[in-house]
C-alpha atoms as a PDB file:
ATOM      1  CA  MET A   1     118.527  98.871 120.434  1.00  0.00           C
ATOM      2  CA  ARG A   2     116.683  96.196 122.367  1.00  0.00           C
ATOM      3  CA  SER A   3     115.289  93.057 120.766  1.00  0.00           C
ATOM      4  CA  ILE A   4     112.259  91.092 121.868  1.00  0.00           C
ATOM      5  CA  THR A   5     111.945  87.326 121.329  1.00  0.00           C
ATOM      6  CA  PHE A   6     108.847  85.344 122.261  1.00  0.00           C
ATOM      7  CA  TYR A   7     109.461  81.588 122.784  1.00  0.00           C
ATOM      8  CA  SER A   8     106.512  79.196 122.698  1.00  0.00           C
ATOM      9  CA  THR A   9     105.456  75.705 121.659  1.00  0.00           C
ATOM     10  CA  LYS A  10     102.751  74.560 119.262  1.00  0.00           C
ATOM     11  CA  THR A  11     100.705  73.016 122.094  1.00  0.00           C
ATOM     12  CA  CYS A  12     100.867  75.841 124.666  1.00  0.00           C
ATOM     13  CA  PRO A  13      97.423  77.448 125.101  1.00  0.00           C
ATOM     14  CA  ASN A  14      98.745  80.329 127.207  1.00  0.00           C
ATOM     15  CA  CYS A  15     101.321  81.070 124.523  1.00  0.00           C
ATOM     16  CA  ARG A  16      98.574  81.633 121.951  1.00  0.00           C
ATOM     17  CA  ILE A  17      96.735  84.041 124.244  1.00  0.00           C
ATOM     18  CA  MET A  18      99.827  86.011 125.197  1.00  0.00           C
ATOM     19  CA  LYS A  19     100.996  86.121 121.581  1.00  0.00           C
ATOM     20  CA  THR A  20      97.729  87.807 120.645  1.00  0.00           C
ATOM     21  CA  TRP A  21      98.230  90.401 123.373  1.00  0.00           C
ATOM     22  CA  VAL A  22     101.818  91.049 122.269  1.00  0.00           C
ATOM     23  CA  ASN A  23     100.620  91.528 118.697  1.00  0.00           C
ATOM     24  CA  ASP A  24      98.060  94.064 119.988  1.00  0.00           C
ATOM     25  CA  LEU A  25     100.954  96.156 121.323  1.00  0.00           C
ATOM     26  CA  HIS A  26     102.418  96.529 117.806  1.00  0.00           C
ATOM     27  CA  LEU A  27     105.987  95.785 118.927  1.00  0.00           C
ATOM     28  CA  ASN A  28     108.732  94.376 116.757  1.00  0.00           C
ATOM     29  CA  VAL A  29     108.891  90.815 118.104  1.00  0.00           C
ATOM     30  CA  ASP A  30     110.630  87.687 116.836  1.00  0.00           C
ATOM     31  CA  TYR A  31     108.576  84.541 117.440  1.00  0.00           C
ATOM     32  CA  VAL A  32     110.330  81.194 117.973  1.00  0.00           C
ATOM     33  CA  THR A  33     108.441  77.923 118.243  1.00  0.00           C
ATOM     34  CA  LEU A  34     110.323  75.383 120.329  1.00  0.00           C
ATOM     35  CA  ASP A  35     110.181  71.613 120.556  1.00  0.00           C
ATOM     36  CA  TYR A  36     111.932  69.424 123.094  1.00  0.00           C
ATOM     37  CA  ASN A  37     115.082  69.257 120.920  1.00  0.00           C
ATOM     38  CA  SER A  38     115.426  73.009 120.352  1.00  0.00           C
ATOM     39  CA  PRO A  39     118.947  74.213 121.243  1.00  0.00           C
ATOM     40  CA  GLU A  40     117.560  77.442 122.755  1.00  0.00           C
ATOM     41  CA  ILE A  41     116.157  75.461 125.672  1.00  0.00           C
ATOM     42  CA  ASP A  42     119.662  74.764 126.927  1.00  0.00           C
ATOM     43  CA  THR A  43     121.554  77.793 125.663  1.00  0.00           C
ATOM     44  CA  LEU A  44     118.975  80.279 127.016  1.00  0.00           C
ATOM     45  CA  HIS A  45     117.915  78.196 130.035  1.00  0.00           C
ATOM     46  CA  ILE A  46     114.248  78.170 129.038  1.00  0.00           C
ATOM     47  CA  GLN A  47     112.386  76.159 131.631  1.00  0.00           C
ATOM     48  CA  SER A  48     108.779  76.934 130.649  1.00  0.00           C
ATOM     49  CA  VAL A  49     106.773  78.685 127.990  1.00  0.00           C
ATOM     50  CA  PRO A  50     105.820  81.249 127.133  1.00  0.00           C
ATOM     51  CA  THR A  51     109.155  82.940 127.690  1.00  0.00           C
ATOM     52  CA  ILE A  52     109.815  86.465 126.492  1.00  0.00           C
ATOM     53  CA  LEU A  53     113.422  87.654 126.356  1.00  0.00           C
ATOM     54  CA  ILE A  54     114.531  91.221 125.871  1.00  0.00           C
ATOM     55  CA  THR A  55     118.155  91.524 124.811  1.00  0.00           C
ATOM     56  CA  GLU A  56     120.511  94.366 123.989  1.00  0.00           C
ATOM     57  CA  GLU A  57     123.707  93.730 122.046  1.00  0.00           C
ATOM     58  CA  GLY A  58     123.314  90.007 122.712  1.00  0.00           C
ATOM     59  CA  ALA A  59     122.977  90.331 126.494  1.00  0.00           C
ATOM     60  CA  GLU A  60     119.771  89.498 128.316  1.00  0.00           C
ATOM     61  CA  VAL A  61     118.122  92.572 129.797  1.00  0.00           C
ATOM     62  CA  ALA A  62     114.823  91.130 130.975  1.00  0.00           C
ATOM     63  CA  ARG A  63     112.883  87.856 131.009  1.00  0.00           C
ATOM     64  CA  LEU A  64     109.232  87.059 131.515  1.00  0.00           C
ATOM     65  CA  THR A  65     108.360  83.389 131.960  1.00  0.00           C
ATOM     66  CA  GLY A  66     104.972  81.735 132.219  1.00  0.00           C
ATOM     67  CA  SER A  67     101.446  82.961 131.887  1.00  0.00           C
ATOM     68  CA  HIS A  68     100.671  86.559 132.851  1.00  0.00           C
ATOM     69  CA  SER A  69      97.747  88.928 132.542  1.00  0.00           C
ATOM     70  CA  LYS A  70      97.541  91.517 129.796  1.00  0.00           C
ATOM     71  CA  ALA A  71      98.265  94.266 132.371  1.00  0.00           C
ATOM     72  CA  GLN A  72     101.356  92.419 133.634  1.00  0.00           C
ATOM     73  CA  LEU A  73     102.567  91.962 130.074  1.00  0.00           C
ATOM     74  CA  GLN A  74     102.098  95.663 129.343  1.00  0.00           C
ATOM     75  CA  ALA A  75     103.973  96.611 132.537  1.00  0.00           C
ATOM     76  CA  PHE A  76     106.846  94.275 131.621  1.00  0.00           C
ATOM     77  CA  PHE A  77     107.297  96.008 128.263  1.00  0.00           C
ATOM     78  CA  ASP A  78     106.793  99.501 129.736  1.00  0.00           C
ATOM     79  CA  ASN A  79     109.584  98.853 132.244  1.00  0.00           C
ATOM     80  CA  ASN A  80     112.042  97.151 129.865  1.00  0.00           C
ATOM     81  CA  ILE A  81     111.888  98.681 126.387  1.00  0.00           C
END
């Protein structure tokens, strides 16, 4: 089974918008709020937010980084889950 994790920061305006769109899709998503000391930044090589990771059995299957339209977000999930 694939897992979805949405990484954002408290000050990211695009993260708030995309988070709303993800919620509208009624997917099972884990939300993680990062700060500059968060270990995930290094371990997962997160270079910008929002970042959405889809994993399966601990391995990364797909990644979406940065701001995208609602249609692009929908297509990303359609193609990867």
